[in-house]
Every structure is written in structure tokens, then in C-alpha cells.
Protein backbone atom coordinates (compact mmCIF):
# COMPACT_ATOMS: atom_id res chain seq x y z
CA MET A 1 77.24 57.73 59.05
CA THR A 2 75.90 58.07 55.52
CA LEU A 3 75.33 61.58 54.25
CA SER A 4 72.78 62.41 51.59
CA SER A 5 73.65 64.81 48.78
CA THR A 6 70.26 66.47 49.15
CA LEU A 7 70.48 69.94 50.68
CA VAL A 8 68.61 70.37 53.95
CA PRO A 9 67.45 73.51 55.79
CA ALA A 10 69.70 75.13 58.36
CA GLY A 11 67.30 74.26 61.17
CA GLU A 12 67.44 70.56 60.32
CA VAL A 13 71.25 70.66 60.22
CA LEU A 14 71.44 72.32 63.62
CA ALA A 15 68.92 69.88 65.11
CA GLY A 16 70.92 66.94 63.74
CA MET A 17 74.16 68.32 65.20
CA GLY A 18 72.47 68.79 68.56
CA ALA A 19 71.10 65.23 68.47
CA LEU A 20 74.55 63.83 67.69
CA LEU A 21 76.10 65.79 70.55
CA ASP A 22 73.47 64.32 72.87
CA ARG A 23 74.75 60.84 71.89
CA LEU A 24 78.41 61.74 72.48
CA ASP A 25 80.34 59.04 74.36
CA PRO A 26 82.18 60.79 77.26
CA ASP A 27 84.62 57.90 77.75
CA ARG A 28 87.70 58.50 75.62
CA SER A 29 90.21 56.77 77.85
CA ASN A 30 91.11 54.05 75.30
CA VAL A 31 91.58 56.37 72.29
CA ASP A 32 95.03 56.08 70.74
CA PRO A 33 97.22 59.22 70.37
CA ALA A 34 96.92 59.41 66.57
CA THR A 35 93.14 59.41 66.78
CA ARG A 36 93.18 62.06 69.48
CA LEU A 37 95.23 64.35 67.23
CA ALA A 38 92.94 63.66 64.28
CA TRP A 39 89.90 64.63 66.36
CA LEU A 40 91.73 67.69 67.64
CA ARG A 41 92.37 68.75 64.04
CA THR A 42 88.74 68.23 63.03
CA ALA A 43 87.03 69.88 66.01
CA PRO A 44 88.25 73.47 65.33
CA THR A 45 87.19 73.17 61.69
CA VAL A 46 83.70 72.09 62.69
CA GLN A 47 83.57 74.83 65.32
CA ALA A 48 84.59 77.45 62.75
CA ARG A 49 81.91 76.23 60.33
CA VAL A 50 79.23 76.41 63.03
CA THR A 51 80.46 79.88 64.06
CA ALA A 52 80.25 81.05 60.45
CA LEU A 53 76.75 79.61 60.09
CA THR A 54 75.71 81.35 63.31
CA ALA A 55 77.06 84.65 62.03
CA GLN A 56 75.32 84.21 58.69
CA LEU A 57 72.00 83.37 60.35
CA THR A 58 72.41 86.39 62.63
CA GLY A 59 73.10 88.67 59.66
CA GLU A 60 70.12 87.34 57.73
CA ALA A 61 67.84 87.80 60.75
CA ASP A 62 69.13 91.33 61.12
CA GLN A 63 68.47 92.15 57.46
CA ALA A 64 64.97 90.66 57.68
CA LYS A 65 64.26 92.54 60.93
CA ALA A 66 63.07 89.24 62.37
CA ALA A 67 63.34 90.27 66.03
CA GLU A 68 61.42 93.50 65.51
CA GLU A 69 58.57 91.73 63.72
CA ALA A 70 58.40 88.61 65.88
CA VAL A 71 58.98 89.94 69.42
CA GLY A 72 59.07 93.71 68.97
CA THR A 73 62.64 94.27 70.12
CA PRO A 74 65.98 94.96 68.36
CA LEU A 75 68.02 91.88 67.52
CA ALA A 76 70.89 92.88 69.83
CA SER A 77 68.46 92.93 72.78
CA TRP A 78 66.89 89.64 71.74
CA LEU A 79 70.32 87.98 71.58
CA GLY A 80 70.89 88.83 75.21
CA MET A 81 67.54 87.42 76.33
CA GLY A 82 68.18 83.76 75.65
CA GLU A 83 71.91 83.70 76.33
CA ASN A 84 74.25 84.98 79.03
CA LEU A 85 75.44 87.83 76.82
CA SER A 86 76.03 91.36 78.02
CA ARG A 87 74.77 94.21 75.90
CA ARG A 88 78.31 94.87 74.72
CA GLU A 89 78.87 91.22 73.77
CA ALA A 90 75.55 91.07 71.91
CA ALA A 91 76.40 94.25 70.01
CA GLY A 92 79.80 92.80 69.09
CA THR A 93 78.20 89.58 67.84
CA LEU A 94 75.78 91.55 65.69
CA ARG A 95 78.54 93.78 64.35
CA GLN A 96 80.61 90.79 63.23
CA ALA A 97 77.55 89.16 61.68
CA ARG A 98 76.79 92.27 59.65
CA LYS A 99 80.35 92.32 58.32
CA LEU A 100 80.12 88.70 57.22
CA ALA A 101 76.69 89.25 55.67
CA GLN A 102 78.16 91.92 53.38
CA HIS A 103 80.68 89.44 51.95
CA ARG A 104 78.83 86.45 50.50
CA LEU A 105 81.89 84.55 49.24
CA VAL A 106 83.62 84.82 52.60
CA GLY A 107 80.55 83.51 54.41
CA GLU A 108 80.12 80.58 52.04
CA ALA A 109 83.81 79.66 52.27
CA ALA A 110 83.69 79.81 56.08
CA ILE A 111 80.60 77.59 56.29
CA ALA A 112 82.20 75.15 53.84
CA GLY A 113 85.24 74.89 56.12
CA ARG A 114 87.70 76.55 53.75
CA LEU A 115 88.18 79.51 56.12
CA GLY A 116 88.79 79.62 59.84
CA THR A 117 87.02 82.12 62.09
CA GLY A 118 90.14 84.26 62.41
CA GLN A 119 90.75 84.16 58.65
CA ALA A 120 87.19 85.27 57.92
CA ARG A 121 87.48 88.14 60.40
CA ALA A 122 90.80 89.24 58.90
CA ILE A 123 89.44 89.13 55.33
CA THR A 124 86.34 91.20 56.13
CA GLY A 125 88.51 93.72 57.94
CA VAL A 126 90.78 94.20 54.92
CA LEU A 127 87.86 94.31 52.47
CA ASP A 128 86.00 96.93 54.53
CA GLY A 129 89.17 99.02 54.70
CA LEU A 130 89.70 98.89 50.94
CA ALA A 131 86.05 99.47 50.00
CA PRO A 132 86.24 103.32 49.78
CA GLN A 133 88.96 103.06 47.12
CA LEU A 134 87.36 100.38 44.91
CA ASP A 135 84.23 100.27 42.77
CA GLU A 136 81.71 97.45 43.13
CA ALA A 137 83.35 95.17 40.54
CA GLN A 138 86.79 95.71 42.07
CA GLN A 139 85.42 94.96 45.56
CA GLN A 140 84.01 91.64 44.33
CA ARG A 141 87.33 90.75 42.71
CA ALA A 142 89.18 91.71 45.88
CA GLU A 143 86.94 89.35 47.87
CA ARG A 144 87.76 86.46 45.49
CA VAL A 145 91.48 87.23 45.77
CA MET A 146 91.34 87.25 49.57
CA VAL A 147 89.47 83.93 49.74
CA ASP A 148 92.07 82.38 47.42
CA LEU A 149 94.94 83.78 49.54
CA ALA A 150 93.40 82.12 52.61
CA GLY A 151 94.47 78.79 51.12
CA HIS A 152 98.08 79.47 52.16
CA LEU A 153 97.96 82.49 54.52
CA ASP A 154 96.92 82.51 58.17
CA ALA A 155 94.77 85.18 59.82
CA ASP A 156 97.71 87.44 60.76
CA GLN A 157 99.12 87.26 57.23
CA LEU A 158 95.72 87.94 55.68
CA ALA A 159 95.30 91.03 57.86
CA LYS A 160 98.44 92.42 56.19
CA ALA A 161 97.54 91.37 52.64
CA ALA A 162 96.02 94.64 51.44
CA GLY A 163 99.08 95.35 49.29
CA GLN A 164 98.86 91.97 47.53
CA VAL A 165 95.16 92.49 46.84
CA LEU A 166 95.66 95.95 45.39
CA LYS A 167 98.48 94.76 43.13
CA THR A 168 96.06 92.23 41.66
CA VAL A 169 92.90 94.35 41.52
CA VAL A 170 94.29 97.82 40.66
CA PRO A 171 97.91 97.23 39.58
CA ASP A 172 98.26 100.64 37.91
CA ARG A 173 97.67 102.54 41.19
CA ALA A 174 98.42 99.90 43.81
CA GLU A 175 101.12 101.88 45.62
CA GLU A 176 99.05 105.06 45.87
CA ALA A 177 95.96 103.10 46.97
CA LEU A 178 97.95 101.25 49.63
CA GLU A 179 99.24 104.55 51.03
CA GLN A 180 95.69 105.87 51.29
CA HIS A 181 94.53 102.60 52.88
CA LEU A 182 97.24 102.78 55.54
CA GLN A 183 96.38 106.41 56.21
CA ARG A 184 92.71 105.55 56.69
CA GLN A 185 93.67 102.71 59.02
CA ALA A 186 95.82 105.01 61.14
CA GLU A 187 93.06 107.61 61.40
CA ALA A 188 90.48 104.94 62.28
CA ALA A 189 92.79 103.52 64.96
CA TYR A 190 93.12 106.97 66.49
CA ARG A 191 89.35 107.48 66.51
CA GLN A 192 88.85 104.07 68.14
CA ARG A 193 91.30 104.61 71.02
CA SER A 194 89.37 103.57 74.10
CA PRO A 195 90.86 102.30 77.37
CA ARG A 196 88.15 100.92 79.64
CA PHE A 197 88.47 99.96 83.31
CA PHE A 198 86.28 97.56 85.32
CA VAL A 199 86.55 97.23 89.11
CA GLU A 200 86.37 93.57 90.15
CA GLY A 201 86.93 93.19 93.88
CA ALA A 202 90.57 93.88 94.70
CA SER A 203 91.52 94.05 91.00
CA VAL A 204 90.84 96.37 88.10
CA ARG A 205 90.40 94.70 84.73
CA PHE A 206 90.98 96.82 81.64
CA ASP A 207 90.83 96.54 77.90
CA GLY A 208 90.51 98.87 74.95
CA SER A 209 92.30 99.93 71.82
CA LEU A 210 95.38 101.99 70.97
CA PRO A 211 96.88 103.03 67.63
CA ARG A 212 99.34 100.34 66.51
CA PRO A 213 102.58 102.42 66.70
CA ALA A 214 101.84 103.63 70.22
CA ALA A 215 100.79 100.15 71.35
CA GLU A 216 103.87 98.50 69.83
CA ALA A 217 106.13 101.02 71.57
CA TRP A 218 104.34 100.38 74.87
CA ILE A 219 104.60 96.60 74.50
CA ALA A 220 108.30 96.91 73.66
CA GLN A 221 108.88 98.97 76.81
CA LEU A 222 107.00 96.47 78.98
CA ASP A 223 108.80 93.48 77.45
CA ALA A 224 112.22 95.12 77.85
CA HIS A 225 111.52 95.74 81.54
CA ALA A 226 110.05 92.25 81.96
CA GLU A 227 113.08 90.58 80.34
CA GLN A 228 115.46 92.58 82.51
CA ALA A 229 113.53 91.52 85.61
CA ARG A 230 113.58 87.87 84.46
CA ARG A 231 117.33 87.88 83.88
CA THR A 232 117.92 89.50 87.26
CA ALA A 233 115.78 86.87 88.99
CA VAL A 234 117.62 84.04 87.21
CA GLU A 235 121.03 85.48 88.07
CA ARG A 236 119.98 85.74 91.70
CA ARG A 237 118.78 82.11 91.58
CA ASP A 238 115.32 83.18 92.66
CA PRO A 239 113.30 79.94 93.07
CA LEU A 240 110.15 81.75 91.89
CA ALA A 241 111.74 82.98 88.66
CA SER A 242 110.42 80.09 86.56
CA THR A 243 106.86 80.33 87.93
CA VAL A 244 106.18 83.93 86.83
CA THR A 245 104.37 84.10 83.47
CA LEU A 246 105.05 86.60 80.69
CA GLU A 247 101.70 88.29 81.40
CA GLN A 248 102.64 88.68 85.06
CA ARG A 249 106.02 90.14 84.15
CA ARG A 250 104.30 92.63 81.86
CA ALA A 251 101.95 93.55 84.70
CA ASP A 252 104.95 94.05 87.00
CA ALA A 253 106.57 96.25 84.34
CA LEU A 254 103.40 98.35 84.00
CA ILE A 255 103.21 98.79 87.78
CA ALA A 256 106.85 99.88 87.79
CA GLN A 257 106.15 102.41 85.04
CA ILE A 258 103.22 103.83 86.98
CA SER A 259 105.38 104.10 90.11
CA ARG A 260 108.20 105.85 88.24
CA GLN A 261 105.74 108.28 86.66
CA GLY A 262 104.25 109.05 90.05
CA ASN A 263 107.69 109.86 91.41
CA SER A 264 108.73 112.11 88.53
CA GLY A 265 106.56 115.12 89.28
CA PRO A 266 107.60 118.50 90.70
CA GLY A 267 110.32 118.18 93.31
CA SER A 268 112.12 115.28 91.64
CA PRO A 269 115.69 115.73 90.39
CA SER A 270 114.44 115.64 86.80
CA ALA A 271 112.02 118.54 87.24
CA ARG A 272 112.86 121.65 85.21
CA VAL A 273 111.58 125.19 85.70
CA LEU A 274 111.71 127.71 82.88
CA VAL A 275 111.93 131.32 84.06
CA MET A 276 111.80 134.21 81.59
CA LEU A 277 114.02 137.23 82.29
CA ASP A 278 114.01 140.55 80.46
CA TYR A 279 117.39 141.16 78.82
CA ALA A 280 117.05 144.96 78.91
CA LYS A 281 116.54 144.90 82.68
CA LEU A 282 119.43 142.52 83.15
CA ALA A 283 121.73 144.72 81.05
CA ALA A 284 120.70 147.75 83.12
CA GLY A 285 121.51 145.94 86.35
CA ALA A 286 117.92 146.00 87.59
CA ALA A 287 116.64 143.40 90.03
CA ALA A 288 114.79 141.09 87.66
CA ALA A 289 111.74 139.19 88.84
CA GLY A 290 111.03 136.01 86.92
CA VAL A 291 107.98 135.14 84.84
CA LEU A 292 106.76 131.58 84.34
CA PRO A 293 105.83 130.39 80.82
CA ASP A 294 102.12 130.69 81.67
CA GLY A 295 102.59 134.44 82.34
CA GLN A 296 102.52 134.20 86.13
CA GLY A 297 105.02 136.59 87.72
CA LEU A 298 107.33 135.43 90.52
CA SER A 299 108.93 137.26 93.37
CA ALA A 300 112.53 136.44 94.27
CA GLY A 301 111.33 134.46 97.29
CA GLU A 302 108.83 132.47 95.27
CA LEU A 303 111.47 131.77 92.67
CA ARG A 304 113.86 130.40 95.30
CA ARG A 305 111.19 128.15 96.85
CA LEU A 306 110.05 126.84 93.47
CA CYS A 307 113.56 125.94 92.38
CA CYS A 308 114.71 124.19 95.57
CA ASP A 309 114.72 120.73 93.97
CA ALA A 310 114.54 121.63 90.29
CA GLU A 311 116.90 122.49 87.49
CA LEU A 312 116.61 126.25 86.88
CA VAL A 313 116.67 127.17 83.19
CA PRO A 314 116.81 130.94 82.66
CA VAL A 315 115.44 132.05 79.30
CA VAL A 316 116.61 135.53 78.30
CA LEU A 317 114.16 137.29 76.02
CA GLY A 318 115.16 140.04 73.66
CA GLY A 319 118.93 139.54 73.78
CA PRO A 320 121.62 137.39 72.21
CA SER A 321 121.19 133.70 73.07
CA GLN A 322 121.98 130.23 71.85
CA VAL A 323 121.27 129.53 68.16
CA LEU A 324 117.85 127.88 67.97
CA ASP A 325 117.63 127.14 64.25
CA VAL A 326 119.05 123.65 63.64
CA GLY A 327 117.56 123.64 60.13
CA ARG A 328 117.80 120.42 58.18
CA ALA A 329 120.75 119.07 60.13
CA GLU A 330 118.49 117.60 62.84
CA ARG A 331 114.95 116.30 62.71
CA LEU A 332 114.40 115.98 66.45
CA VAL A 333 113.94 119.03 68.63
CA THR A 334 116.96 119.89 70.81
CA PRO A 335 116.48 120.54 74.54
CA GLN A 336 117.25 124.25 74.01
CA LEU A 337 114.69 124.52 71.23
CA ARG A 338 112.15 122.65 73.35
CA ASP A 339 112.69 125.19 76.13
CA ALA A 340 112.09 128.04 73.69
CA LEU A 341 108.87 126.37 72.52
CA SER A 342 107.69 125.99 76.10
CA VAL A 343 108.31 129.68 76.75
CA ARG A 344 106.58 130.85 73.59
CA ASP A 345 103.62 128.47 73.47
CA ARG A 346 103.16 127.82 77.23
CA GLY A 347 101.34 124.57 76.47
CA CYS A 348 99.22 123.12 73.69
CA VAL A 349 98.43 125.88 71.22
CA PHE A 350 95.20 124.33 69.93
CA PRO A 351 92.42 126.84 70.66
CA GLY A 352 90.76 126.07 73.98
CA CYS A 353 93.27 123.43 75.16
CA ASP A 354 94.94 123.89 78.55
CA ALA A 355 97.45 121.00 78.42
CA PRO A 356 100.80 122.16 79.90
CA PRO A 357 104.13 121.83 78.03
CA SER A 358 104.95 118.64 79.94
CA ARG A 359 102.07 116.87 78.17
CA CYS A 360 102.86 118.22 74.71
CA GLU A 361 104.85 117.14 71.67
CA ALA A 362 106.80 119.34 69.26
CA HIS A 363 105.00 119.43 65.90
CA HIS A 364 106.53 120.52 62.58
CA ILE A 365 104.08 122.87 60.82
CA LEU A 366 105.63 121.98 57.45
CA PRO A 367 106.57 118.30 57.87
CA TRP A 368 110.27 117.53 58.04
CA HIS A 369 109.95 114.96 55.24
CA GLN A 370 108.57 117.73 53.01
CA GLY A 371 111.53 120.02 53.64
CA GLY A 372 110.31 121.65 56.84
CA ARG A 373 113.03 123.02 59.09
CA THR A 374 113.52 122.19 62.74
CA CYS A 375 113.36 125.78 63.91
CA LEU A 376 111.17 127.83 66.21
CA ALA A 377 109.19 129.38 63.34
CA ASN A 378 108.21 125.92 62.04
CA LEU A 379 107.35 124.31 65.39
CA VAL A 380 104.43 124.39 67.81
CA LEU A 381 103.51 122.47 70.95
CA LEU A 382 100.49 120.17 70.64
CA CYS A 383 99.13 117.76 73.23
CA HIS A 384 98.74 114.05 72.51
CA CYS A 385 95.04 114.58 71.73
CA HIS A 386 95.35 117.48 69.27
CA HIS A 387 98.58 116.43 67.55
CA PRO A 388 96.84 113.81 65.33
CA VAL A 389 94.04 116.30 64.60
CA CYS A 390 96.52 118.71 63.05
CA GLU A 391 99.04 116.30 61.51
CA PRO A 392 98.90 117.05 57.75
CA ALA A 393 97.89 114.04 55.69
CA ARG A 394 99.81 113.17 52.56
CA HIS A 395 96.54 112.64 50.73
CA SER A 396 93.81 115.25 51.15
CA ILE A 397 91.05 112.82 52.06
CA ARG A 398 89.81 114.65 55.14
CA ASP A 399 88.74 118.16 55.99
CA GLN A 400 91.09 119.01 58.85
CA TRP A 401 92.62 121.79 60.92
CA GLN A 402 95.69 123.49 59.52
CA ILE A 403 98.43 125.47 61.30
CA ARG A 404 100.46 128.42 60.09
CA THR A 405 102.79 130.98 61.61
CA ALA A 406 101.32 134.48 61.69
CA ASP A 407 103.23 137.69 60.92
CA ASP A 408 103.95 138.19 64.62
CA GLY A 409 105.67 134.78 64.78
CA LEU A 410 102.89 133.09 66.77
CA PRO A 411 100.92 130.05 65.59
CA GLU A 412 97.34 130.31 64.41
CA PHE A 413 94.83 127.74 63.20
CA ILE A 414 92.66 127.55 60.09
CA PRO A 415 89.47 125.62 60.93
CA PRO A 416 88.05 122.88 58.67
CA ALA A 417 85.49 124.07 56.15
CA ARG A 418 82.82 121.97 57.88
CA LEU A 419 83.22 124.15 61.00
CA ASP A 420 83.80 127.49 59.30
CA PRO A 421 83.11 127.81 55.55
CA HIS A 422 85.17 131.04 55.52
CA ARG A 423 88.07 129.31 57.36
CA LYS A 424 88.90 132.42 59.40
CA PRO A 425 92.18 131.93 61.33
CA VAL A 426 91.92 131.60 65.11
CA ARG A 427 94.53 131.32 67.83
CA HIS A 428 94.78 130.31 71.45
CA THR A 429 93.72 132.99 73.93
CA ARG A 430 97.15 132.96 75.57
CA HIS A 431 98.65 134.13 72.26
CA ARG A 432 96.54 137.26 72.12
CA HIS A 433 98.91 139.00 74.52
CA PRO A 434 102.67 138.80 75.15
CA PRO A 435 103.84 136.48 77.98
CA GLY A 436 104.19 138.17 81.34
CA ARG A 437 101.99 141.14 80.43
CA PRO A 438 98.38 141.88 81.40
CA GLN A 439 95.84 140.27 79.11
CA ALA A 440 94.04 142.59 76.76
CA ARG A 441 90.36 142.07 76.14
CA PRO A 442 90.09 139.60 73.20
CA THR A 443 88.72 141.11 70.00
CA HIS A 444 87.39 137.83 68.59
CA ALA A 445 86.50 134.38 69.86
CA ALA A 446 88.52 131.26 69.07
């Protein structure tokens, strides 16, 4: 086939490709192996070029508002009319097209076959992440650097190439800029967390997004369980051991995790009950009724029933007890210190949150890496949702909640300026009265 050097419109190119596909010979039985491999190497390149052209045409149609003017409907809706695309798939196609349309060099390189689809997606992701830290000229240079790197880096390597780009574009502040980039990525990943579940007959399909550290830890747990199950099956000479896929083993591991979690609630051997006792009453020999961390009083009978299958942990308030301040010697919270936190905070201390201590993490008010001590005065309980909201960022690039310890030793929160220009401290309602005592009428709202 002879190709002319004269440029032709996109429509003519697409029509010609369609006509050639109509003439495709389906009989490939006599093709030699070397030719098969050559075709197999060429086909993905052609596919990537067509995908890039499709994305570029979609982006241009979006910018020109072609669907609105021609048929009176948004482009995402129009995309779903002529194809078997769901609304979510059409929106995703349009989103990717808009990203590629913002990066001309990337689009041209992809259409020319110098970039694969995955490489183009990785490059636009890195460039969009770096954009807030670079001016227009630096963004253009970063795009050229990324396209050049694609000559010897695959998509996964390109997705991690932000550091290389910054060293070339802004060498004098590359390390600081990379730290800010990683911080923005982590915050974006947290905002985008989104497990979704779809019932399909007897199965439930799910997808979504998790922050990378949490996802990596989860995958490691599943793979460890899956590998242990595989080794056990092999050692037992299970004839089905070789037919189970990695994905199926991960599914089995997830099911096992869910089962273990379901069996670890109240009444299991691992359950622990914290009961607060008044030291003065104990010293006087009085019959002491217990108080739960949430302030609920317990009779002796209730206490016995509650602790039938649990580990009873008495917490004596007001008297001599175990040293809680582990200072700089330990970063992680000790079990004794965790118990003290559960008694004091009685759950997540973020105003309005009712997550119990079992769903909370111990948070250093002054970060440990900044010299913060692992002691009761520098710790609070925060649930998995509010912990990232309050985690202090190394770079002040967001207006966020801050925590401090008040004069009475209880935690209080300083709202972001966008919520309260005066940043008046607020605290959880459960910290407006001592544990185990009647609640006083609150004097201000959280």
C-alpha cells in the first residue's frame, strides 16, 4: 500500500481504516510464527494511536460544544446514545479526553505512535499533579521532559517520574516541590476514596479507590493469607491447589478476614472492657460501682454480666497508677496508654463524631517526628475518617482543623478560617463534663 505525504482530514483517515478492516482476511491459518509476532507487536501500537485520536477528537468536540449546538445535549449524554456506554463510562471517557486535550505534545506523540495509551495516561496524571507548583513555561517544559522520558520508561515508571521532572525543570527547589507534590497526591487520594458495590445475581461486584498506603497494606495482608493457604494446599497434596488463581486466593483471604472480624465482637476472648473506679472510694473501703468510658454507670450485677467473656481492665482515677508518659523512648502507643486514652476521650474527639474507641486511632497532637512526646497530654483518639482531616501537613497548603490540649487537659479543636474566621476553639460535647457525672447544659455549640 502506497501512502501519500499529503495530510488528509481525520474523517478520511477513519473512513479509510474502516474500509481496510472491511477487507480483512479472516483466514490466518498459514501465517508463520514470526509474522504472527510482528503483527502482534504492531496491533497495540495502531490501537493506541486510534485511541489517542479518539480522545483528541472527543476533547476538541467538547471544547467546541459540538453536541450542544448540533443535537442540544451535553457531549457525555451524546456519547452514550450511539454506543453501549453507561453514564459513568461516558463521563470517564470525556474526563480522559479533557486531560489529553490540555497537553498538546502528549496528544501529538500518542497519535504519532510514540506513546502508548498507558504512557499517555501516566504522563497527564503527573503533569496535572505538578501544575499547581509550576508556572506556564515550566509546565510546558515538564511536558517535553515527560514525552522524552517515555522513550525508555513504561507507564508505571512514568507515573513515578515526578522527581526526575522537577530536578530538570526546577532544580533549585526540586526536593521541596516533590514533597508538596506527594502531599497533594496523598490528600487527593483520601478525598477520592470510594468503594462501590453492585449486586449481580448471587454475586456482589465492587470497585473503588483507596489511599495507596492503606491499599498496599490491605493487599499485603490478602497476599500473605493467600500464600499461606496455597502452601497448605500443596503440602496436603490437594488436587485443586494448582487450579485456584491468585485472584481467587485473594477473594478467599478477604472472605476469611470478614469472617474473623465478624467473630471478634463483644463476647470473644479478645474483647476488653474498661471500667473506671474512684480511687477515693476504693481507699475508703466503699462498695464501688463501675462507670464505662461513655459515662454510663454500672451496677455490680451489670458489671458481672458484661465481663463474663471479656478481659476486665480496671482504671483507677485520681490515685497512683502505672506511668503513662513513655516520652521519646517509644513512638507507638502502649496498651496501658491506649486504655487511658479510651477512658479520657471515650471515642473520637472530633466535634459531633460518635465513633467508639474501637474504631479510633491514637493521634499525636504535635507529631512525633517534630519532637512530640508519646504521652497522654499529646495524644487524642480520632476515627479513621477524621484522622486525616486533622493530621498536620508539613507544608501549610491547606486551611485545616487544628488540635490543642486545653488548660483542663482535654482536647479542643480550632476550626479552619473558612468555617470560622475567628477560629474560636470548640470541643466534643462529651468533654464538657467529667466522665461518670451528670451532663451540664452546654454553654456554647460545637
